[in-house]
C-alpha atoms as a PDB file:
ATOM      1  CA  MET A   1      21.021  21.122  -5.231  1.00  0.00           C
ATOM      2  CA  LYS A   2      22.183  18.178  -3.766  1.00  0.00           C
ATOM      3  CA  VAL A   3      25.108  15.970  -4.512  1.00  0.00           C
ATOM      4  CA  LEU A   4      23.246  12.427  -5.497  1.00  0.00           C
ATOM      5  CA  ASN A   5      24.487   8.987  -5.435  1.00  0.00           C
ATOM      6  CA  LEU A   6      25.223   8.633  -9.508  1.00  0.00           C
ATOM      7  CA  PRO A   7      27.995   9.695 -11.234  1.00  0.00           C
ATOM      8  CA  GLU A   8      29.202  13.487 -11.464  1.00  0.00           C
ATOM      9  CA  TYR A   9      27.146  15.350 -14.405  1.00  0.00           C
ATOM     10  CA  LYS A  10      28.284  18.565 -15.994  1.00  0.00           C
ATOM     11  CA  CYS A  11      24.962  19.660 -16.791  1.00  0.00           C
ATOM     12  CA  VAL A  12      24.078  22.963 -18.802  1.00  0.00           C
ATOM     13  CA  LEU A  13      22.187  25.262 -16.402  1.00  0.00           C
ATOM     14  CA  GLN A  14      20.989  28.863 -17.167  1.00  0.00           C
ATOM     15  CA  LYS A  15      18.814  31.759 -15.865  1.00  0.00           C
ATOM     16  CA  ARG A  16      15.575  32.588 -17.824  1.00  0.00           C
ATOM     17  CA  ASN A  17      13.112  34.714 -16.866  1.00  0.00           C
ATOM     18  CA  GLY A  18      14.621  34.849 -13.609  1.00  0.00           C
ATOM     19  CA  LYS A  19      14.524  30.995 -13.223  1.00  0.00           C
ATOM     20  CA  LEU A  20      17.362  28.387 -13.062  1.00  0.00           C
ATOM     21  CA  THR A  21      17.029  26.344 -16.110  1.00  0.00           C
ATOM     22  CA  ILE A  22      18.156  23.075 -16.825  1.00  0.00           C
ATOM     23  CA  PHE A  23      19.034  21.428 -20.192  1.00  0.00           C
ATOM     24  CA  ASP A  24      17.481  18.100 -20.846  1.00  0.00           C
ATOM     25  CA  PRO A  25      19.502  16.593 -23.928  1.00  0.00           C
ATOM     26  CA  ILE A  26      16.634  14.148 -24.690  1.00  0.00           C
ATOM     27  CA  ARG A  27      13.586  17.084 -24.927  1.00  0.00           C
ATOM     28  CA  LYS A  28      16.438  19.609 -26.531  1.00  0.00           C
ATOM     29  CA  LYS A  29      15.229  21.925 -24.608  1.00  0.00           C
ATOM     30  CA  TYR A  30      15.889  23.966 -21.022  1.00  0.00           C
ATOM     31  CA  ILE A  31      13.536  22.665 -18.610  1.00  0.00           C
ATOM     32  CA  ILE A  32      13.025  24.736 -15.093  1.00  0.00           C
ATOM     33  CA  LEU A  33      15.166  23.160 -12.225  1.00  0.00           C
ATOM     34  CA  THR A  34      13.295  21.603  -9.472  1.00  0.00           C
ATOM     35  CA  PRO A  35      14.620  18.796  -7.254  1.00  0.00           C
ATOM     36  CA  GLU A  36      13.066  16.087  -8.892  1.00  0.00           C
ATOM     37  CA  GLU A  37      14.202  17.511 -12.654  1.00  0.00           C
ATOM     38  CA  TRP A  38      17.735  17.496 -10.840  1.00  0.00           C
ATOM     39  CA  VAL A  39      17.106  13.998 -10.494  1.00  0.00           C
ATOM     40  CA  ARG A  40      15.199  13.084 -13.464  1.00  0.00           C
ATOM     41  CA  GLN A  41      18.179  15.189 -15.791  1.00  0.00           C
ATOM     42  CA  HIS A  42      21.203  13.036 -13.401  1.00  0.00           C
ATOM     43  CA  PHE A  43      19.655   9.765 -14.151  1.00  0.00           C
ATOM     44  CA  ILE A  44      19.510   9.897 -17.773  1.00  0.00           C
ATOM     45  CA  HIS A  45      22.814  10.999 -17.596  1.00  0.00           C
ATOM     46  CA  TYR A  46      23.551   7.704 -16.146  1.00  0.00           C
ATOM     47  CA  LEU A  47      21.291   5.740 -18.519  1.00  0.00           C
ATOM     48  CA  VAL A  48      23.166   7.028 -21.214  1.00  0.00           C
ATOM     49  CA  GLU A  49      26.739   7.493 -20.214  1.00  0.00           C
ATOM     50  CA  TYR A  50      26.891   4.618 -18.201  1.00  0.00           C
ATOM     51  CA  LEU A  51      24.865   1.714 -18.904  1.00  0.00           C
ATOM     52  CA  ASN A  52      24.264   2.396 -22.898  1.00  0.00           C
ATOM     53  CA  TYR A  53      21.188   3.156 -23.112  1.00  0.00           C
ATOM     54  CA  PRO A  54      19.994   4.598 -26.592  1.00  0.00           C
ATOM     55  CA  LYS A  55      18.732   8.493 -26.335  1.00  0.00           C
ATOM     56  CA  SER A  56      16.713   7.860 -29.611  1.00  0.00           C
ATOM     57  CA  LEU A  57      14.616   5.078 -27.375  1.00  0.00           C
ATOM     58  CA  ILE A  58      14.504   7.469 -24.475  1.00  0.00           C
ATOM     59  CA  LYS A  59      11.385   9.694 -23.868  1.00  0.00           C
ATOM     60  CA  VAL A  60      11.044  12.271 -21.087  1.00  0.00           C
ATOM     61  CA  GLU A  61       7.440  12.798 -19.115  1.00  0.00           C
ATOM     62  CA  SER A  62       5.508  11.285 -22.066  1.00  0.00           C
ATOM     63  CA  GLY A  63       1.615  11.296 -21.172  1.00  0.00           C
ATOM     64  CA  LEU A  64      -0.517   8.383 -20.135  1.00  0.00           C
ATOM     65  CA  GLN A  65      -4.148   7.253 -19.830  1.00  0.00           C
ATOM     66  CA  TYR A  66      -5.324   5.975 -16.414  1.00  0.00           C
ATOM     67  CA  ASN A  67      -8.507   5.579 -15.641  1.00  0.00           C
ATOM     68  CA  GLN A  68      -9.345   8.487 -18.153  1.00  0.00           C
ATOM     69  CA  LEU A  69      -6.926  10.296 -15.937  1.00  0.00           C
ATOM     70  CA  SER A  70      -4.346  12.124 -17.642  1.00  0.00           C
ATOM     71  CA  LYS A  71      -0.531  11.117 -16.195  1.00  0.00           C
ATOM     72  CA  ARG A  72       2.752  11.368 -17.129  1.00  0.00           C
ATOM     73  CA  SER A  73       5.708   9.152 -16.808  1.00  0.00           C
ATOM     74  CA  ASP A  74       9.429  10.555 -16.110  1.00  0.00           C
ATOM     75  CA  ILE A  75      11.313   8.391 -17.993  1.00  0.00           C
ATOM     76  CA  LEU A  76       9.948   5.723 -21.004  1.00  0.00           C
ATOM     77  CA  ILE A  77      12.867   3.411 -22.400  1.00  0.00           C
ATOM     78  CA  TYR A  78      11.610   1.650 -25.232  1.00  0.00           C
ATOM     79  CA  ASP A  79      13.130  -1.687 -27.199  1.00  0.00           C
ATOM     80  CA  ARG A  80      14.099  -1.313 -30.255  1.00  0.00           C
ATOM     81  CA  LYS A  81      10.634  -2.585 -31.566  1.00  0.00           C
ATOM     82  CA  PRO A  82       9.637   0.239 -30.045  1.00  0.00           C
ATOM     83  CA  ARG A  83       7.481  -1.012 -27.136  1.00  0.00           C
ATOM     84  CA  PRO A  84       7.657  -0.126 -23.575  1.00  0.00           C
ATOM     85  CA  LEU A  85      10.583  -1.450 -21.543  1.00  0.00           C
ATOM     86  CA  MET A  86      11.317  -0.047 -18.545  1.00  0.00           C
ATOM     87  CA  LEU A  87       9.430   2.579 -16.600  1.00  0.00           C
ATOM     88  CA  VAL A  88      11.330   5.235 -14.342  1.00  0.00           C
ATOM     89  CA  GLU A  89       9.903   6.938 -11.884  1.00  0.00           C
ATOM     90  CA  CYS A  90      11.726   9.704 -10.527  1.00  0.00           C
ATOM     91  CA  LYS A  91      10.962  11.552  -7.393  1.00  0.00           C
ATOM     92  CA  SER A  92      12.691  14.918  -5.269  1.00  0.00           C
ATOM     93  CA  TYR A  93      16.137  13.512  -3.270  1.00  0.00           C
ATOM     94  CA  ASP A  94      13.972  14.242  -0.256  1.00  0.00           C
ATOM     95  CA  VAL A  95      11.361  12.284  -0.683  1.00  0.00           C
ATOM     96  CA  LYS A  96      11.646   8.831   0.768  1.00  0.00           C
ATOM     97  CA  ILE A  97      10.676   5.637  -1.831  1.00  0.00           C
ATOM     98  CA  VAL A  98       8.003   3.780   0.012  1.00  0.00           C
ATOM     99  CA  LYS A  99       5.418   1.188  -1.127  1.00  0.00           C
ATOM    100  CA  GLU A 100       3.145   4.080  -2.312  1.00  0.00           C
ATOM    101  CA  THR A 101       6.072   4.850  -4.808  1.00  0.00           C
ATOM    102  CA  PHE A 102       5.928   1.538  -6.057  1.00  0.00           C
ATOM    103  CA  GLU A 103       2.188   1.320  -6.378  1.00  0.00           C
ATOM    104  CA  GLN A 104       2.277   4.399  -8.244  1.00  0.00           C
ATOM    105  CA  ALA A 105       4.781   3.303 -10.931  1.00  0.00           C
ATOM    106  CA  ALA A 106       2.642  -0.065 -11.101  1.00  0.00           C
ATOM    107  CA  MET A 107      -0.344   2.138 -11.902  1.00  0.00           C
ATOM    108  CA  TYR A 108       1.509   3.682 -14.799  1.00  0.00           C
ATOM    109  CA  ASN A 109       3.114   0.431 -15.946  1.00  0.00           C
ATOM    110  CA  HIS A 110      -0.825  -1.317 -15.929  1.00  0.00           C
ATOM    111  CA  THR A 111      -0.972   1.022 -19.312  1.00  0.00           C
ATOM    112  CA  LEU A 112       2.628   0.475 -20.463  1.00  0.00           C
ATOM    113  CA  SER A 113       3.175  -2.908 -19.465  1.00  0.00           C
ATOM    114  CA  ALA A 114       6.734  -2.284 -19.464  1.00  0.00           C
ATOM    115  CA  LYS A 115       8.392  -5.316 -18.535  1.00  0.00           C
ATOM    116  CA  TYR A 116      11.070  -2.931 -15.993  1.00  0.00           C
ATOM    117  CA  ILE A 117      10.221  -0.572 -13.399  1.00  0.00           C
ATOM    118  CA  VAL A 118      13.020   1.698 -11.561  1.00  0.00           C
ATOM    119  CA  LEU A 119      12.104   3.894  -8.827  1.00  0.00           C
ATOM    120  CA  THR A 120      14.844   6.422  -7.925  1.00  0.00           C
ATOM    121  CA  ASN A 121      15.495   9.609  -6.017  1.00  0.00           C
ATOM    122  CA  GLY A 122      18.747   9.910  -6.839  1.00  0.00           C
ATOM    123  CA  MET A 123      20.226   8.523  -3.432  1.00  0.00           C
ATOM    124  CA  GLU A 124      18.156   5.230  -3.678  1.00  0.00           C
ATOM    125  CA  HIS A 125      18.020   3.495  -6.652  1.00  0.00           C
ATOM    126  CA  TRP A 126      15.406   0.304  -6.938  1.00  0.00           C
ATOM    127  CA  CYS A 127      14.885  -1.615 -10.309  1.00  0.00           C
ATOM    128  CA  CYS A 128      12.635  -4.739 -10.614  1.00  0.00           C
ATOM    129  CA  GLU A 129      11.597  -6.933 -13.011  1.00  0.00           C
ATOM    130  CA  ILE A 130       7.739  -7.649 -13.375  1.00  0.00           C
ATOM    131  CA  GLU A 131       7.312 -11.659 -13.975  1.00  0.00           C
ATOM    132  CA  PRO A 132       3.959 -13.528 -14.621  1.00  0.00           C
ATOM    133  CA  ARG A 133       3.874 -13.942 -10.956  1.00  0.00           C
ATOM    134  CA  GLY A 134       4.891 -10.584  -9.272  1.00  0.00           C
ATOM    135  CA  LEU A 135       7.893  -8.409  -9.027  1.00  0.00           C
ATOM    136  CA  ARG A 136      11.697  -9.374  -8.658  1.00  0.00           C
ATOM    137  CA  MET A 137      13.896  -7.038  -7.229  1.00  0.00           C
ATOM    138  CA  MET A 138      17.317  -6.569  -8.760  1.00  0.00           C
ATOM    139  CA  GLU A 139      20.098  -6.364  -7.345  1.00  0.00           C
ATOM    140  CA  SER A 140      21.075  -2.931  -9.729  1.00  0.00           C
ATOM    141  CA  ILE A 141      19.784  -0.987 -12.605  1.00  0.00           C
ATOM    142  CA  PRO A 142      21.037  -3.060 -15.674  1.00  0.00           C
ATOM    143  CA  ALA A 143      23.207  -2.211 -18.838  1.00  0.00           C
ATOM    144  CA  TYR A 144      20.719  -1.887 -21.884  1.00  0.00           C
ATOM    145  CA  GLU A 145      22.091  -4.638 -23.277  1.00  0.00           C
ATOM    146  CA  GLU A 146      21.216  -6.993 -20.219  1.00  0.00           C
ATOM    147  CA  LEU A 147      17.629  -6.248 -20.636  1.00  0.00           C
ATOM    148  CA  PHE A 148      17.754  -8.761 -23.557  1.00  0.00           C
ATOM    149  CA  ASP A 149      19.774 -11.572 -22.082  1.00  0.00           C
END
């Protein structure tokens, strides 16, 4: 797998039924290793270990309904109430983040109403705050406690 633009992560890999898997500390199980899962696990590590996001407030691949369609959010972070606070959409490292990526995340967020949306392909990371008049792009991904200032 490719080296990402994220801190190094000593992930736990294991071969199961002839397929390479990676341990997900949030779901507490091994997941088949795909390029998108590689990005997702590195980004979770970054959020937890570097930006102090509580593991207990993170859900991975949680289901949601949009226009009677079942969808899955990659990473959903809650505040302490618990209400959706941040939606993270992960893409493979070889997928460019484009306008349609934002539209997909915004569509999911229509149901969730999280205050922040993050898009990452492991190489580029975009964060925006949802404001009454639209989106405000942020310069970096804020630490968990900074989301409440």
